[in-house]
Amino acid sequence: MNNPTTNPSSLPPTPHSPRLTIGLYAAVVFLYWMSLYLYVPTLPTYAESKTDTLAMVGLVIAQYGIWQAFIRFPLGIASDWVGRHKPFIVGGFALAGLGALVMGTANSVDGLAVGRAITGLAAGTWVVLVVGFSSLFPPREAVRASALLTFIGSAGRVLATGVTGWLNGLGGYPLAFFAATGAAALAILVALLTKEQHRPPKPPSLKDLVQISLRRDVLLPSLIAAASQYANWATTFGFTPILAKGLGATDVALSMLTSMNIGVVIAGNLAAATISKRIDARWMTAIAFMLMAVGIVEIALAHSLLPLFLAQFCIGLAQGVSNPVLMGLSIRFVEEERRATAMGLHQAVYAVGMFTGPWLSGLLADEVGIPPMYWATAAVCLVVGLLAAWLLAAKQADE
């Protein structure tokens, strides 16, 4: 892998050396995702213990996605408007800590929903983190930069989800939430150490916003990513832990199930960064969706924990490849001063999948059960995979 710091002339000037700037960003991103994922593996089962319906469990989980969908596009616009990233990053970390604290002290499922909504707002910070990190690389390396950043975030999520079961055993469900609050506080301290180059403010105009929103090179990868997130949050972060619990999984096993999935995401990130220059993006995306469908079918057929681990491997690899590819495609041809707005749109659109996945699948699971719901989700993946290959090929033909 080429070192992006070996050619300083290709990078925008920054108050810190490129190596230090990238290192600080890496630390901030690592802690950011830890603060958002320390409690995730057992959140569905914790929510289930406080309600009688799967639909309500799905609604709690969906809060994370729905508030991202609302905040990310406006946040991208605001970042471009003021020409700064740091205030939004620090504010997002503060919300991550607050949301975790609210969930850790919640006495009802409603309290969990409120706390999860706050963390959804915190997750909007990913917009400015992605754009800030991508600005350290030449535009032609947008996909590679996205893959590297996703890799760092995945490493943070693996560590966070890997210790959830241990934390639950040590101090019950609330301890993981309190640890997440501590990680958010540490992230704020690291973020305050960073320096950023102030960009010229770019006040938003209705014409520019409409143009960005209608750009096919921005919107198409975003819609495909929304379908990917729908499947992922309906399964890995939605109802797979509940299904696993019914098959005898302990909290530690649930923690391992999620952390292994995210660990495989890292392998997918590295694969995407390595092969992005050699394999067409449309084929990478289509294969990822097919692999995701295979994993979901495995879960629908599972009668023991082993198939669930194999399924999580397939889904994790699919997510690891498709996410950075689609993220990079969405900003590849966007001007530097409008990238935060474009990334905000991309993340707002795919966040729709993050809340419709657990929400709609929860409603469906209440009606027909979890396995039939998984079959329907797998069918969505197959259809989207084929459409993605066709539509991305048509987009490239137009360029």
Protein backbone atom coordinates (compact mmCIF):
# COMPACT_ATOMS: atom_id res chain seq x y z
CA MET A 1 0.00 0.00 0.00
CA ASN A 2 1.39 3.36 -0.95
CA ASN A 3 2.13 5.78 1.84
CA PRO A 4 0.05 8.96 1.22
CA THR A 5 2.64 11.06 3.04
CA THR A 6 5.55 10.31 0.70
CA ASN A 7 4.52 13.01 -1.75
CA PRO A 8 3.66 16.10 0.30
CA SER A 9 3.25 18.22 -2.81
CA SER A 10 0.15 16.22 -3.73
CA LEU A 11 -1.54 17.06 -0.41
CA PRO A 12 -3.30 20.24 0.70
CA PRO A 13 -1.18 22.28 3.11
CA THR A 14 -2.00 21.66 6.79
CA PRO A 15 -0.72 23.15 10.06
CA HIS A 16 0.49 19.67 11.08
CA SER A 17 2.60 17.33 9.03
CA PRO A 18 0.45 15.01 6.89
CA ARG A 19 1.58 11.99 8.92
CA LEU A 20 0.57 13.57 12.24
CA THR A 21 -2.72 14.85 10.84
CA ILE A 22 -3.64 11.42 9.52
CA GLY A 23 -2.61 9.83 12.84
CA LEU A 24 -4.79 12.18 14.88
CA TYR A 25 -7.73 11.61 12.55
CA ALA A 26 -7.20 7.87 12.92
CA ALA A 27 -7.28 8.08 16.72
CA VAL A 28 -10.38 10.25 16.68
CA VAL A 29 -12.23 7.93 14.30
CA PHE A 30 -11.22 4.86 16.32
CA LEU A 31 -12.62 6.33 19.56
CA TYR A 32 -15.68 7.68 17.78
CA TRP A 33 -16.80 4.24 16.66
CA MET A 34 -15.96 2.71 20.04
CA SER A 35 -18.29 5.19 21.70
CA LEU A 36 -21.09 4.19 19.32
CA TYR A 37 -20.61 0.40 19.38
CA LEU A 38 -19.59 -0.70 22.89
CA TYR A 39 -23.19 -1.69 23.67
CA VAL A 40 -24.43 -2.69 20.19
CA PRO A 41 -24.12 -6.54 20.32
CA THR A 42 -26.62 -6.91 23.16
CA LEU A 43 -28.77 -3.80 22.59
CA PRO A 44 -31.51 -5.83 20.78
CA THR A 45 -31.75 -8.38 23.59
CA TYR A 46 -31.62 -5.61 26.20
CA ALA A 47 -34.47 -3.80 24.42
CA GLU A 48 -36.40 -7.09 24.13
CA SER A 49 -36.21 -7.46 27.91
CA LYS A 50 -38.11 -4.19 28.28
CA THR A 51 -40.95 -4.80 25.77
CA ASP A 52 -43.30 -7.52 24.51
CA THR A 53 -43.09 -6.90 20.75
CA LEU A 54 -40.36 -7.26 18.14
CA ALA A 55 -41.77 -4.19 16.41
CA MET A 56 -40.81 -2.07 19.43
CA VAL A 57 -37.34 -3.60 19.47
CA GLY A 58 -37.02 -2.67 15.81
CA LEU A 59 -38.23 0.85 16.55
CA VAL A 60 -35.56 1.34 19.23
CA ILE A 61 -32.81 0.17 16.90
CA ALA A 62 -34.25 2.25 14.05
CA GLN A 63 -33.80 5.50 16.00
CA TYR A 64 -30.08 5.34 15.23
CA GLY A 65 -30.72 5.46 11.50
CA ILE A 66 -33.68 7.80 11.27
CA TRP A 67 -31.95 10.67 13.06
CA GLN A 68 -28.85 10.20 10.93
CA ALA A 69 -31.06 10.55 7.87
CA PHE A 70 -32.36 13.87 9.20
CA ILE A 71 -29.06 15.38 10.34
CA ARG A 72 -26.40 14.31 7.86
CA PHE A 73 -27.35 16.38 4.82
CA PRO A 74 -27.88 19.60 6.85
CA LEU A 75 -24.62 18.90 8.69
CA GLY A 76 -22.71 18.58 5.41
CA ILE A 77 -24.23 21.86 4.23
CA ALA A 78 -23.31 23.58 7.50
CA SER A 79 -19.72 22.31 7.35
CA ASP A 80 -19.24 23.66 3.84
CA TRP A 81 -20.93 26.92 4.87
CA VAL A 82 -18.61 27.71 7.80
CA GLY A 83 -15.54 26.12 6.21
CA ARG A 84 -14.70 24.07 9.33
CA HIS A 85 -14.99 20.47 10.54
CA LYS A 86 -13.73 20.51 14.13
CA PRO A 87 -16.71 22.12 15.92
CA PHE A 88 -19.07 19.58 14.39
CA ILE A 89 -16.78 16.69 15.31
CA VAL A 90 -16.54 17.75 18.97
CA GLY A 91 -20.29 18.35 19.16
CA GLY A 92 -20.99 14.91 17.71
CA PHE A 93 -18.79 13.22 20.29
CA ALA A 94 -20.62 15.06 23.08
CA LEU A 95 -23.93 13.71 21.77
CA ALA A 96 -22.48 10.19 21.54
CA GLY A 97 -21.55 10.31 25.22
CA LEU A 98 -24.90 11.80 26.24
CA GLY A 99 -26.92 9.24 24.29
CA ALA A 100 -25.01 6.34 25.82
CA LEU A 101 -25.51 7.79 29.30
CA VAL A 102 -29.27 8.13 28.72
CA MET A 103 -29.51 4.49 27.61
CA GLY A 104 -27.38 3.30 30.50
CA THR A 105 -29.72 4.93 33.01
CA ALA A 106 -32.99 4.18 31.18
CA ASN A 107 -35.73 2.41 33.14
CA SER A 108 -37.98 1.71 30.15
CA VAL A 109 -37.91 0.96 26.46
CA ASP A 110 -38.89 4.59 25.83
CA GLY A 111 -35.70 5.74 27.54
CA LEU A 112 -33.69 3.42 25.30
CA ALA A 113 -35.40 4.91 22.26
CA VAL A 114 -34.54 8.47 23.35
CA GLY A 115 -30.91 7.60 24.02
CA ARG A 116 -30.61 5.75 20.73
CA ALA A 117 -32.04 8.77 18.93
CA ILE A 118 -29.35 11.00 20.47
CA THR A 119 -26.62 8.61 19.30
CA GLY A 120 -28.19 8.73 15.85
CA LEU A 121 -27.64 12.49 15.83
CA ALA A 122 -24.07 11.87 17.00
CA ALA A 123 -23.48 9.52 14.09
CA GLY A 124 -24.04 12.45 11.73
CA THR A 125 -20.47 13.46 12.59
CA TRP A 126 -19.27 10.78 10.17
CA VAL A 127 -20.01 13.23 7.34
CA VAL A 128 -17.34 15.71 8.38
CA LEU A 129 -14.90 12.99 9.47
CA VAL A 130 -15.02 11.36 6.02
CA VAL A 131 -14.63 14.64 4.17
CA GLY A 132 -11.86 15.87 6.47
CA PHE A 133 -9.89 12.66 6.05
CA SER A 134 -10.48 12.51 2.27
CA SER A 135 -9.12 16.06 1.93
CA LEU A 136 -5.70 14.72 2.98
CA PHE A 137 -5.55 12.66 -0.23
CA PRO A 138 -5.65 13.56 -3.93
CA PRO A 139 -9.16 13.40 -5.47
CA ARG A 140 -8.16 10.42 -7.63
CA GLU A 141 -7.67 8.42 -4.41
CA ALA A 142 -11.16 9.07 -3.03
CA VAL A 143 -12.12 5.38 -2.95
CA ARG A 144 -8.79 4.42 -1.35
CA ALA A 145 -9.11 7.12 1.32
CA SER A 146 -12.65 5.99 2.11
CA ALA A 147 -11.49 2.38 2.37
CA LEU A 148 -8.65 3.33 4.77
CA LEU A 149 -10.98 5.40 6.94
CA THR A 150 -13.57 2.63 7.01
CA PHE A 151 -10.80 0.21 8.00
CA ILE A 152 -9.87 2.38 11.00
CA GLY A 153 -13.50 2.66 12.04
CA SER A 154 -13.99 -1.08 11.68
CA ALA A 155 -11.00 -1.71 13.96
CA GLY A 156 -12.64 0.47 16.62
CA ARG A 157 -15.93 -1.39 16.24
CA VAL A 158 -14.24 -4.78 16.54
CA LEU A 159 -12.63 -3.84 19.84
CA ALA A 160 -15.85 -2.25 21.11
CA THR A 161 -18.13 -5.16 20.25
CA GLY A 162 -15.53 -7.70 21.33
CA VAL A 163 -15.66 -6.57 24.97
CA THR A 164 -19.42 -6.05 25.26
CA GLY A 165 -20.15 -9.49 26.68
CA TRP A 166 -17.29 -9.16 29.18
CA LEU A 167 -18.57 -5.75 30.31
CA ASN A 168 -22.09 -7.13 30.73
CA GLY A 169 -20.73 -9.93 32.91
CA LEU A 170 -18.70 -7.47 34.95
CA GLY A 171 -21.35 -4.86 35.65
CA GLY A 172 -24.58 -5.72 33.83
CA TYR A 173 -25.97 -4.06 30.70
CA PRO A 174 -25.44 -0.45 31.95
CA LEU A 175 -21.63 -0.74 32.21
CA ALA A 176 -21.14 -0.94 28.44
CA PHE A 177 -23.13 2.29 28.04
CA PHE A 178 -21.06 4.05 30.68
CA ALA A 179 -17.84 2.85 29.00
CA ALA A 180 -19.14 4.32 25.75
CA THR A 181 -19.61 7.66 27.48
CA GLY A 182 -15.97 7.49 28.63
CA ALA A 183 -14.76 6.71 25.10
CA ALA A 184 -16.67 9.72 23.78
CA ALA A 185 -15.06 11.99 26.38
CA LEU A 186 -11.59 10.72 25.41
CA ALA A 187 -12.41 11.29 21.75
CA ILE A 188 -13.22 14.92 22.51
CA LEU A 189 -9.82 15.40 24.15
CA VAL A 190 -8.00 13.94 21.12
CA ALA A 191 -10.10 16.00 18.71
CA LEU A 192 -9.19 19.18 20.58
CA LEU A 193 -5.50 18.42 19.89
CA THR A 194 -6.04 18.55 16.14
CA LYS A 195 -5.61 21.64 14.03
CA GLU A 196 -7.43 22.30 10.82
CA GLN A 197 -6.96 24.60 7.90
CA HIS A 198 -9.94 26.91 7.63
CA ARG A 199 -11.52 26.71 4.22
CA PRO A 200 -13.26 29.67 2.59
CA PRO A 201 -16.89 29.65 3.75
CA LYS A 202 -19.33 28.60 1.04
CA PRO A 203 -22.86 29.82 1.80
CA PRO A 204 -25.44 27.33 0.52
CA SER A 205 -27.65 28.19 -2.38
CA LEU A 206 -30.87 26.46 -3.32
CA LYS A 207 -29.56 25.94 -6.85
CA ASP A 208 -26.40 24.21 -5.61
CA LEU A 209 -28.37 21.98 -3.22
CA VAL A 210 -30.76 20.93 -5.95
CA GLN A 211 -27.86 20.25 -8.31
CA ILE A 212 -26.06 18.08 -5.76
CA SER A 213 -29.27 16.24 -4.87
CA LEU A 214 -29.97 15.43 -8.52
CA ARG A 215 -26.45 14.47 -9.56
CA ARG A 216 -26.58 10.88 -10.72
CA ASP A 217 -22.96 10.22 -9.73
CA VAL A 218 -23.86 11.18 -6.12
CA LEU A 219 -27.40 9.83 -5.84
CA LEU A 220 -27.02 6.40 -7.46
CA PRO A 221 -24.29 5.05 -5.15
CA SER A 222 -26.22 6.50 -2.22
CA LEU A 223 -29.43 4.63 -3.10
CA ILE A 224 -27.52 1.37 -3.57
CA ALA A 225 -25.81 1.92 -0.21
CA ALA A 226 -29.24 2.44 1.41
CA ALA A 227 -30.28 -1.05 0.28
CA SER A 228 -27.06 -2.49 1.70
CA GLN A 229 -27.66 -0.81 5.05
CA TYR A 230 -31.27 -1.99 5.07
CA ALA A 231 -30.10 -5.60 4.91
CA ASN A 232 -27.28 -5.12 7.41
CA TRP A 233 -29.40 -3.42 10.07
CA ALA A 234 -32.27 -5.83 9.64
CA THR A 235 -29.90 -8.72 10.33
CA THR A 236 -26.48 -8.15 11.94
CA PHE A 237 -27.50 -5.23 14.16
CA GLY A 238 -31.18 -6.08 14.27
CA PHE A 239 -32.66 -9.52 14.77
CA THR A 240 -29.72 -11.91 14.42
CA PRO A 241 -28.77 -11.42 18.12
CA ILE A 242 -32.34 -12.29 19.13
CA LEU A 243 -32.32 -15.36 16.88
CA ALA A 244 -28.94 -16.37 18.31
CA LYS A 245 -30.21 -15.91 21.88
CA GLY A 246 -33.01 -18.32 21.06
CA LEU A 247 -30.41 -20.85 19.92
CA GLY A 248 -28.61 -20.65 23.26
CA ALA A 249 -26.07 -17.85 22.72
CA THR A 250 -24.69 -16.10 25.81
CA ASP A 251 -23.86 -12.39 25.93
CA VAL A 252 -20.23 -13.28 25.27
CA ALA A 253 -21.26 -15.32 22.22
CA LEU A 254 -23.38 -12.43 20.96
CA SER A 255 -20.39 -10.15 21.41
CA MET A 256 -18.19 -12.56 19.44
CA LEU A 257 -20.83 -12.86 16.71
CA THR A 258 -20.88 -9.11 16.12
CA SER A 259 -17.15 -8.49 16.52
CA MET A 260 -16.29 -11.32 14.10
CA ASN A 261 -18.64 -9.78 11.56
CA ILE A 262 -16.97 -6.39 11.89
CA GLY A 263 -13.53 -8.02 11.83
CA VAL A 264 -14.38 -9.48 8.44
CA VAL A 265 -15.56 -6.00 7.39
CA ILE A 266 -11.95 -4.91 7.92
CA ALA A 267 -10.78 -7.62 5.51
CA GLY A 268 -13.34 -6.35 3.02
CA ASN A 269 -12.11 -2.77 3.48
CA LEU A 270 -8.54 -3.82 2.79
CA ALA A 271 -9.66 -5.84 -0.23
CA ALA A 272 -11.56 -2.85 -1.60
CA ALA A 273 -8.55 -0.56 -1.11
CA THR A 274 -6.27 -3.09 -2.81
CA ILE A 275 -8.36 -4.12 -5.81
CA SER A 276 -10.25 -0.88 -6.50
CA LYS A 277 -7.82 0.01 -9.30
CA ARG A 278 -8.07 -3.41 -10.93
CA ILE A 279 -11.71 -4.50 -10.63
CA ASP A 280 -14.63 -2.44 -11.88
CA ALA A 281 -16.69 -0.86 -9.07
CA ARG A 282 -19.97 -2.22 -10.44
CA TRP A 283 -18.75 -5.82 -10.23
CA MET A 284 -17.39 -5.31 -6.74
CA THR A 285 -20.78 -3.97 -5.68
CA ALA A 286 -22.83 -6.69 -7.40
CA ILE A 287 -20.72 -9.53 -5.97
CA ALA A 288 -20.99 -7.97 -2.50
CA PHE A 289 -24.80 -7.97 -2.67
CA MET A 290 -24.88 -11.58 -3.87
CA LEU A 291 -22.62 -12.61 -0.98
CA MET A 292 -24.83 -10.72 1.46
CA ALA A 293 -27.89 -12.59 0.18
CA VAL A 294 -26.11 -15.93 0.71
CA GLY A 295 -25.30 -14.99 4.30
CA ILE A 296 -28.88 -13.95 5.07
CA VAL A 297 -30.26 -17.21 3.65
CA GLU A 298 -27.83 -19.11 5.89
CA ILE A 299 -29.30 -17.34 8.91
CA ALA A 300 -32.87 -18.13 7.82
CA LEU A 301 -31.94 -21.83 7.65
CA ALA A 302 -29.83 -21.95 10.83
CA HIS A 303 -30.65 -24.42 13.62
CA SER A 304 -27.41 -23.89 15.57
CA LEU A 305 -24.88 -21.14 16.22
CA LEU A 306 -22.23 -22.30 13.74
CA PRO A 307 -24.23 -21.34 10.61
CA LEU A 308 -24.80 -17.91 12.17
CA PHE A 309 -21.05 -17.35 12.44
CA LEU A 310 -20.57 -18.44 8.82
CA ALA A 311 -23.38 -16.13 7.75
CA GLN A 312 -21.88 -13.19 9.63
CA PHE A 313 -18.63 -13.85 7.78
CA CYS A 314 -20.39 -13.53 4.41
CA ILE A 315 -22.33 -10.41 5.40
CA GLY A 316 -19.26 -8.76 6.93
CA LEU A 317 -17.14 -9.34 3.83
CA ALA A 318 -19.92 -7.99 1.62
CA GLN A 319 -20.29 -4.86 3.73
CA GLY A 320 -16.53 -4.35 3.90
CA VAL A 321 -16.26 -4.28 0.11
CA SER A 322 -19.42 -2.40 -0.84
CA ASN A 323 -19.42 0.42 1.74
CA PRO A 324 -16.12 2.17 0.87
CA VAL A 325 -16.63 1.60 -2.87
CA LEU A 326 -20.05 3.27 -2.85
CA MET A 327 -18.84 6.02 -0.50
CA GLY A 328 -15.89 6.83 -2.75
CA LEU A 329 -18.02 6.79 -5.89
CA SER A 330 -20.45 9.29 -4.38
CA ILE A 331 -17.81 12.06 -4.05
CA ARG A 332 -15.28 11.07 -6.72
CA PHE A 333 -16.24 13.83 -9.18
CA VAL A 334 -17.50 16.43 -6.67
CA GLU A 335 -15.59 19.70 -6.21
CA GLU A 336 -13.65 20.02 -2.92
CA GLU A 337 -15.79 22.89 -1.59
CA ARG A 338 -19.00 20.88 -2.10
CA ARG A 339 -17.81 17.48 -0.91
CA ALA A 340 -19.20 17.75 2.62
CA THR A 341 -22.63 18.55 1.16
CA ALA A 342 -22.39 15.58 -1.23
CA MET A 343 -21.20 13.27 1.54
CA GLY A 344 -23.99 14.52 3.78
CA LEU A 345 -26.51 13.58 1.08
CA HIS A 346 -24.88 10.17 0.58
CA GLN A 347 -24.95 9.35 4.27
CA ALA A 348 -28.48 10.72 4.75
CA VAL A 349 -29.75 8.51 1.94
CA TYR A 350 -28.05 5.36 3.16
CA ALA A 351 -29.19 6.11 6.71
CA VAL A 352 -32.74 5.64 5.42
CA GLY A 353 -31.81 1.98 5.03
CA MET A 354 -30.45 1.91 8.57
CA PHE A 355 -33.83 2.76 10.07
CA THR A 356 -36.17 1.12 7.56
CA GLY A 357 -34.22 -2.15 7.94
CA PRO A 358 -34.96 -2.81 11.64
CA TRP A 359 -38.28 -0.98 11.56
CA LEU A 360 -39.90 -2.76 8.61
CA SER A 361 -38.28 -6.09 9.39
CA GLY A 362 -39.55 -5.82 12.98
CA LEU A 363 -43.10 -5.32 11.73
CA LEU A 364 -42.71 -8.23 9.31
CA ALA A 365 -41.14 -10.48 11.95
CA ASP A 366 -44.09 -9.87 14.28
CA GLU A 367 -46.43 -11.04 11.52
CA VAL A 368 -44.59 -14.01 9.98
CA GLY A 369 -41.58 -14.70 12.21
CA ILE A 370 -37.87 -13.95 11.91
CA PRO A 371 -36.80 -16.65 9.37
CA PRO A 372 -39.40 -15.70 6.68
CA MET A 373 -38.43 -12.05 7.17
CA TYR A 374 -34.82 -13.04 6.43
CA TRP A 375 -35.87 -14.74 3.19
CA ALA A 376 -37.55 -11.49 2.08
CA THR A 377 -34.42 -9.51 2.97
CA ALA A 378 -32.23 -11.90 0.94
CA ALA A 379 -34.51 -11.42 -2.06
CA VAL A 380 -34.04 -7.65 -1.78
CA CYS A 381 -30.25 -8.13 -1.86
CA LEU A 382 -30.38 -10.27 -5.00
CA VAL A 383 -32.55 -7.78 -6.86
CA VAL A 384 -30.46 -4.78 -5.81
CA GLY A 385 -27.22 -6.56 -6.74
CA LEU A 386 -28.39 -7.13 -10.30
CA LEU A 387 -29.79 -3.61 -10.62
CA ALA A 388 -26.57 -2.12 -9.22
CA ALA A 389 -24.42 -3.86 -11.84
CA TRP A 390 -26.69 -2.62 -14.62
CA LEU A 391 -27.16 0.97 -13.37
CA LEU A 392 -23.51 1.55 -12.47
CA ALA A 393 -22.49 0.26 -15.91
CA ALA A 394 -24.91 2.72 -17.51
CA LYS A 395 -23.49 5.55 -15.36
CA GLN A 396 -19.96 4.77 -16.45
CA ALA A 397 -21.04 4.74 -20.07
CA ASP A 398 -22.35 8.28 -19.64
CA GLU A 399 -19.09 9.59 -18.13
